[in-house]
Amino acid sequence: TLLDSDAALAAPFIALGIPMQQITFGHTLADECTRLGIEVDDYLATYDDQLAMPFAGVEGLVAKLDRWAVCSNKHQLAGHAELARLGWMPDVAMFADSFGGPKHLGPMLDALDLRADEVLFVGDTDHDRDCAEAIGCRFALAGWNPRASSVVGDLVVGRPLDVLDLLD
């Protein structure tokens, strides 16, 4: 949602001999590695945390947020390295390792000491939408990611800075 990481996520699979057309996105790394028949450690050994770059306008959004968090299906090693590289310091950052599988928002709310009605979850996948619906928080689809696909009823945000208009 914040980073255009498709190339970074795909590169290790390709380096390990997986054809690009077989790679899918939006899953935990462990699930995708299992599906493709490779080891997570082999993937991580070739992952380049310098490749994922912020989508246009995201750095401006992050700079204006008083309180924010990252909830991602990425592996924690890659996720934390990318946050450090960008100098981003969310209040909480949770990755797939924090959930024992695909991300879900309950632990994030607990860590932030917030209720679902106090949160706006911005995401770019069907799984993100499902996470928000599961706990009853507001969801905005990050329409700046060309891979994001809206469904009827989605609130689609075209530019990162437009998220600020949705905050109380």
C-alpha atoms as a PDB file:
ATOM      1  CA  THR A   1       0.000   0.000   0.000  1.00  0.00           C
ATOM      2  CA  LEU A   2       2.843   2.388   0.823  1.00  0.00           C
ATOM      3  CA  LEU A   3       5.547   0.872  -1.350  1.00  0.00           C
ATOM      4  CA  ASP A   4       5.575  -0.237  -4.951  1.00  0.00           C
ATOM      5  CA  SER A   5       7.182  -3.521  -4.034  1.00  0.00           C
ATOM      6  CA  ASP A   6       6.063  -5.857  -6.829  1.00  0.00           C
ATOM      7  CA  ALA A   7       9.498  -5.855  -8.505  1.00  0.00           C
ATOM      8  CA  ALA A   8      11.259  -6.341  -5.160  1.00  0.00           C
ATOM      9  CA  LEU A   9       8.933  -9.177  -4.185  1.00  0.00           C
ATOM     10  CA  ALA A  10       9.221 -10.925  -7.551  1.00  0.00           C
ATOM     11  CA  ALA A  11      12.999 -10.616  -8.048  1.00  0.00           C
ATOM     12  CA  PRO A  12      14.018 -13.347  -5.564  1.00  0.00           C
ATOM     13  CA  PHE A  13      11.501 -15.791  -7.033  1.00  0.00           C
ATOM     14  CA  ILE A  14      12.825 -15.091 -10.520  1.00  0.00           C
ATOM     15  CA  ALA A  15      16.421 -15.455  -9.294  1.00  0.00           C
ATOM     16  CA  LEU A  16      15.421 -18.835  -7.879  1.00  0.00           C
ATOM     17  CA  GLY A  17      14.072 -19.961 -11.261  1.00  0.00           C
ATOM     18  CA  ILE A  18      10.353 -19.222 -10.888  1.00  0.00           C
ATOM     19  CA  PRO A  19       8.797 -17.757 -14.060  1.00  0.00           C
ATOM     20  CA  MET A  20       7.202 -14.335 -13.509  1.00  0.00           C
ATOM     21  CA  GLN A  21       3.786 -15.543 -14.703  1.00  0.00           C
ATOM     22  CA  GLN A  22       3.657 -18.051 -11.823  1.00  0.00           C
ATOM     23  CA  ILE A  23       4.233 -15.410  -9.105  1.00  0.00           C
ATOM     24  CA  THR A  24       1.218 -13.998  -7.293  1.00  0.00           C
ATOM     25  CA  PHE A  25       0.955 -11.197  -4.737  1.00  0.00           C
ATOM     26  CA  GLY A  26      -0.990 -10.450  -1.575  1.00  0.00           C
ATOM     27  CA  HIS A  27      -0.101 -13.618   0.361  1.00  0.00           C
ATOM     28  CA  THR A  28       2.308 -14.320   3.167  1.00  0.00           C
ATOM     29  CA  LEU A  29       5.806 -15.100   1.995  1.00  0.00           C
ATOM     30  CA  ALA A  30       5.630 -18.549   3.579  1.00  0.00           C
ATOM     31  CA  ASP A  31       2.472 -19.421   1.666  1.00  0.00           C
ATOM     32  CA  GLU A  32       3.849 -18.220  -1.666  1.00  0.00           C
ATOM     33  CA  CYS A  33       7.167 -20.017  -1.130  1.00  0.00           C
ATOM     34  CA  THR A  34       5.323 -23.231  -0.263  1.00  0.00           C
ATOM     35  CA  ARG A  35       3.097 -22.856  -3.318  1.00  0.00           C
ATOM     36  CA  LEU A  36       6.137 -22.342  -5.557  1.00  0.00           C
ATOM     37  CA  GLY A  37       8.259 -25.040  -3.917  1.00  0.00           C
ATOM     38  CA  ILE A  38      11.091 -22.930  -2.533  1.00  0.00           C
ATOM     39  CA  GLU A  39      12.441 -22.259   0.958  1.00  0.00           C
ATOM     40  CA  VAL A  40      11.743 -18.953   2.706  1.00  0.00           C
ATOM     41  CA  ASP A  41      15.412 -18.690   3.718  1.00  0.00           C
ATOM     42  CA  ASP A  42      16.491 -19.015   0.068  1.00  0.00           C
ATOM     43  CA  TYR A  43      14.038 -16.270  -0.891  1.00  0.00           C
ATOM     44  CA  LEU A  44      15.223 -13.968   1.904  1.00  0.00           C
ATOM     45  CA  ALA A  45      18.863 -14.536   0.970  1.00  0.00           C
ATOM     46  CA  THR A  46      18.177 -12.948  -2.425  1.00  0.00           C
ATOM     47  CA  TYR A  47      15.654 -10.251  -1.360  1.00  0.00           C
ATOM     48  CA  ASP A  48      16.911  -6.703  -1.982  1.00  0.00           C
ATOM     49  CA  ASP A  49      15.290  -4.299   0.472  1.00  0.00           C
ATOM     50  CA  GLN A  50      16.515  -1.368  -1.665  1.00  0.00           C
ATOM     51  CA  LEU A  51      14.161  -2.110  -4.583  1.00  0.00           C
ATOM     52  CA  ALA A  52      10.766  -1.274  -3.065  1.00  0.00           C
ATOM     53  CA  MET A  53      10.072   2.439  -3.476  1.00  0.00           C
ATOM     54  CA  PRO A  54       7.239   4.561  -2.086  1.00  0.00           C
ATOM     55  CA  PHE A  55       4.351   5.221  -4.420  1.00  0.00           C
ATOM     56  CA  ALA A  56       4.211   8.855  -5.549  1.00  0.00           C
ATOM     57  CA  GLY A  57       2.804  10.989  -2.739  1.00  0.00           C
ATOM     58  CA  VAL A  58       3.213   8.422   0.043  1.00  0.00           C
ATOM     59  CA  GLU A  59       6.205  10.151   1.642  1.00  0.00           C
ATOM     60  CA  GLY A  60       4.146  13.344   1.907  1.00  0.00           C
ATOM     61  CA  LEU A  61       1.302  11.431   3.544  1.00  0.00           C
ATOM     62  CA  VAL A  62       3.560   9.675   6.061  1.00  0.00           C
ATOM     63  CA  ALA A  63       5.156  13.010   7.007  1.00  0.00           C
ATOM     64  CA  LYS A  64       1.735  14.466   7.860  1.00  0.00           C
ATOM     65  CA  LEU A  65       0.361  11.593   9.934  1.00  0.00           C
ATOM     66  CA  ASP A  66       0.337  12.095  13.699  1.00  0.00           C
ATOM     67  CA  ARG A  67      -0.181   8.417  14.414  1.00  0.00           C
ATOM     68  CA  TRP A  68       0.063   5.492  12.030  1.00  0.00           C
ATOM     69  CA  ALA A  69       0.925   1.831  11.826  1.00  0.00           C
ATOM     70  CA  VAL A  70       2.041  -0.760   9.313  1.00  0.00           C
ATOM     71  CA  CYS A  71       0.217  -4.074   9.050  1.00  0.00           C
ATOM     72  CA  SER A  72       1.776  -6.180   6.298  1.00  0.00           C
ATOM     73  CA  ASN A  73       2.047  -9.722   4.982  1.00  0.00           C
ATOM     74  CA  LYS A  74       5.734  -9.073   4.265  1.00  0.00           C
ATOM     75  CA  HIS A  75       8.389 -10.941   6.196  1.00  0.00           C
ATOM     76  CA  GLN A  76       9.539  -8.895   9.185  1.00  0.00           C
ATOM     77  CA  LEU A  77      13.194  -8.788   8.088  1.00  0.00           C
ATOM     78  CA  ALA A  78      12.307  -7.151   4.779  1.00  0.00           C
ATOM     79  CA  GLY A  79       9.642  -4.925   6.282  1.00  0.00           C
ATOM     80  CA  HIS A  80      11.809  -3.552   9.075  1.00  0.00           C
ATOM     81  CA  ALA A  81      14.756  -3.029   6.698  1.00  0.00           C
ATOM     82  CA  GLU A  82      12.547  -1.021   4.326  1.00  0.00           C
ATOM     83  CA  LEU A  83      11.146   1.120   7.153  1.00  0.00           C
ATOM     84  CA  ALA A  84      14.672   1.838   8.395  1.00  0.00           C
ATOM     85  CA  ARG A  85      15.928   2.705   4.905  1.00  0.00           C
ATOM     86  CA  LEU A  86      13.100   5.176   4.420  1.00  0.00           C
ATOM     87  CA  GLY A  87      13.430   6.632   7.924  1.00  0.00           C
ATOM     88  CA  TRP A  88       9.778   5.860   8.630  1.00  0.00           C
ATOM     89  CA  MET A  89       8.814   5.305  12.249  1.00  0.00           C
ATOM     90  CA  PRO A  90       5.231   4.069  12.590  1.00  0.00           C
ATOM     91  CA  ASP A  91       3.799   3.748  16.085  1.00  0.00           C
ATOM     92  CA  VAL A  92       3.515   0.004  15.471  1.00  0.00           C
ATOM     93  CA  ALA A  93       4.782  -2.225  12.660  1.00  0.00           C
ATOM     94  CA  MET A  94       3.531  -5.794  12.384  1.00  0.00           C
ATOM     95  CA  PHE A  95       4.432  -8.263   9.689  1.00  0.00           C
ATOM     96  CA  ALA A  96       3.353 -11.811   8.826  1.00  0.00           C
ATOM     97  CA  ASP A  97       5.538 -13.214  11.596  1.00  0.00           C
ATOM     98  CA  SER A  98       3.445 -11.282  14.140  1.00  0.00           C
ATOM     99  CA  PHE A  99       0.267 -13.086  13.151  1.00  0.00           C
ATOM    100  CA  GLY A 100       1.319 -16.691  12.629  1.00  0.00           C
ATOM    101  CA  GLY A 101      -0.116 -16.469   9.119  1.00  0.00           C
ATOM    102  CA  PRO A 102      -1.896 -13.817   7.082  1.00  0.00           C
ATOM    103  CA  LYS A 103      -2.232 -10.445   8.768  1.00  0.00           C
ATOM    104  CA  HIS A 104      -5.306  -9.509  10.747  1.00  0.00           C
ATOM    105  CA  LEU A 105      -6.056  -6.292  12.539  1.00  0.00           C
ATOM    106  CA  GLY A 106      -6.945  -7.454  16.051  1.00  0.00           C
ATOM    107  CA  PRO A 107      -3.347  -7.529  17.332  1.00  0.00           C
ATOM    108  CA  MET A 108      -2.690  -4.174  15.674  1.00  0.00           C
ATOM    109  CA  LEU A 109      -5.635  -2.562  17.468  1.00  0.00           C
ATOM    110  CA  ASP A 110      -4.481  -4.077  20.759  1.00  0.00           C
ATOM    111  CA  ALA A 111      -0.951  -2.724  20.261  1.00  0.00           C
ATOM    112  CA  LEU A 112      -2.307   0.738  19.446  1.00  0.00           C
ATOM    113  CA  ASP A 113      -4.907   0.576  22.244  1.00  0.00           C
ATOM    114  CA  LEU A 114      -7.644   1.563  19.785  1.00  0.00           C
ATOM    115  CA  ARG A 115     -11.119   0.348  18.909  1.00  0.00           C
ATOM    116  CA  ALA A 116     -12.143  -0.565  15.366  1.00  0.00           C
ATOM    117  CA  ASP A 117     -14.357   2.521  15.070  1.00  0.00           C
ATOM    118  CA  GLU A 118     -11.288   4.712  15.706  1.00  0.00           C
ATOM    119  CA  VAL A 119      -9.289   3.309  12.790  1.00  0.00           C
ATOM    120  CA  LEU A 120      -9.061   3.848   9.054  1.00  0.00           C
ATOM    121  CA  PHE A 121      -7.345   0.909   7.355  1.00  0.00           C
ATOM    122  CA  VAL A 122      -5.885   1.779   3.969  1.00  0.00           C
ATOM    123  CA  GLY A 123      -5.066  -1.212   1.821  1.00  0.00           C
ATOM    124  CA  ASP A 124      -4.735  -2.400  -1.748  1.00  0.00           C
ATOM    125  CA  THR A 125      -5.861  -6.039  -1.785  1.00  0.00           C
ATOM    126  CA  ASP A 126      -8.992  -8.091  -1.267  1.00  0.00           C
ATOM    127  CA  HIS A 127      -7.356  -9.474   1.874  1.00  0.00           C
ATOM    128  CA  ASP A 128      -6.949  -5.930   3.235  1.00  0.00           C
ATOM    129  CA  ARG A 129     -10.644  -5.255   2.645  1.00  0.00           C
ATOM    130  CA  ASP A 130     -11.527  -8.536   4.383  1.00  0.00           C
ATOM    131  CA  CYS A 131      -9.313  -7.616   7.369  1.00  0.00           C
ATOM    132  CA  ALA A 132     -11.152  -4.316   7.824  1.00  0.00           C
ATOM    133  CA  GLU A 133     -14.569  -5.951   7.468  1.00  0.00           C
ATOM    134  CA  ALA A 134     -13.656  -8.666   9.982  1.00  0.00           C
ATOM    135  CA  ILE A 135     -13.206  -6.126  12.760  1.00  0.00           C
ATOM    136  CA  GLY A 136     -15.652  -3.477  11.533  1.00  0.00           C
ATOM    137  CA  CYS A 137     -13.252  -0.629  10.832  1.00  0.00           C
ATOM    138  CA  ARG A 138     -13.406   1.813   7.952  1.00  0.00           C
ATOM    139  CA  PHE A 139     -11.534   0.751   4.817  1.00  0.00           C
ATOM    140  CA  ALA A 140     -10.123   2.856   2.005  1.00  0.00           C
ATOM    141  CA  LEU A 141      -8.709   1.249  -1.127  1.00  0.00           C
ATOM    142  CA  ALA A 142      -5.341   2.673  -2.151  1.00  0.00           C
ATOM    143  CA  GLY A 143      -6.253   3.448  -5.744  1.00  0.00           C
ATOM    144  CA  TRP A 144      -2.765   4.773  -6.418  1.00  0.00           C
ATOM    145  CA  ASN A 145      -1.595   1.155  -6.679  1.00  0.00           C
ATOM    146  CA  PRO A 146      -2.449   0.068 -10.231  1.00  0.00           C
ATOM    147  CA  ARG A 147      -2.885  -3.512  -8.979  1.00  0.00           C
ATOM    148  CA  ALA A 148      -5.642  -2.497  -6.520  1.00  0.00           C
ATOM    149  CA  SER A 149      -9.074  -3.649  -7.636  1.00  0.00           C
ATOM    150  CA  SER A 150     -12.208  -2.054  -6.235  1.00  0.00           C
ATOM    151  CA  VAL A 151     -15.558  -3.669  -5.524  1.00  0.00           C
ATOM    152  CA  VAL A 152     -18.960  -2.067  -5.149  1.00  0.00           C
ATOM    153  CA  GLY A 153     -19.045  -0.035  -1.953  1.00  0.00           C
ATOM    154  CA  ASP A 154     -15.307   0.611  -1.721  1.00  0.00           C
ATOM    155  CA  LEU A 155     -14.098   4.049  -0.808  1.00  0.00           C
ATOM    156  CA  VAL A 156     -11.300   4.479  -3.355  1.00  0.00           C
ATOM    157  CA  VAL A 157      -8.577   7.019  -2.630  1.00  0.00           C
ATOM    158  CA  GLY A 158      -6.778   8.160  -5.762  1.00  0.00           C
ATOM    159  CA  ARG A 159      -3.812   9.965  -4.156  1.00  0.00           C
ATOM    160  CA  PRO A 160      -2.068   9.256  -0.863  1.00  0.00           C
ATOM    161  CA  LEU A 161      -2.557  12.782   0.481  1.00  0.00           C
ATOM    162  CA  ASP A 162      -6.321  12.378  -0.012  1.00  0.00           C
ATOM    163  CA  VAL A 163      -6.244   9.960   2.946  1.00  0.00           C
ATOM    164  CA  LEU A 164      -5.851  13.006   5.203  1.00  0.00           C
ATOM    165  CA  ASP A 165      -9.357  14.131   4.229  1.00  0.00           C
ATOM    166  CA  LEU A 166     -10.735  10.874   5.700  1.00  0.00           C
ATOM    167  CA  LEU A 167      -9.176  11.284   9.125  1.00  0.00           C
ATOM    168  CA  ASP A 168     -11.079  12.807  12.043  1.00  0.00           C
END
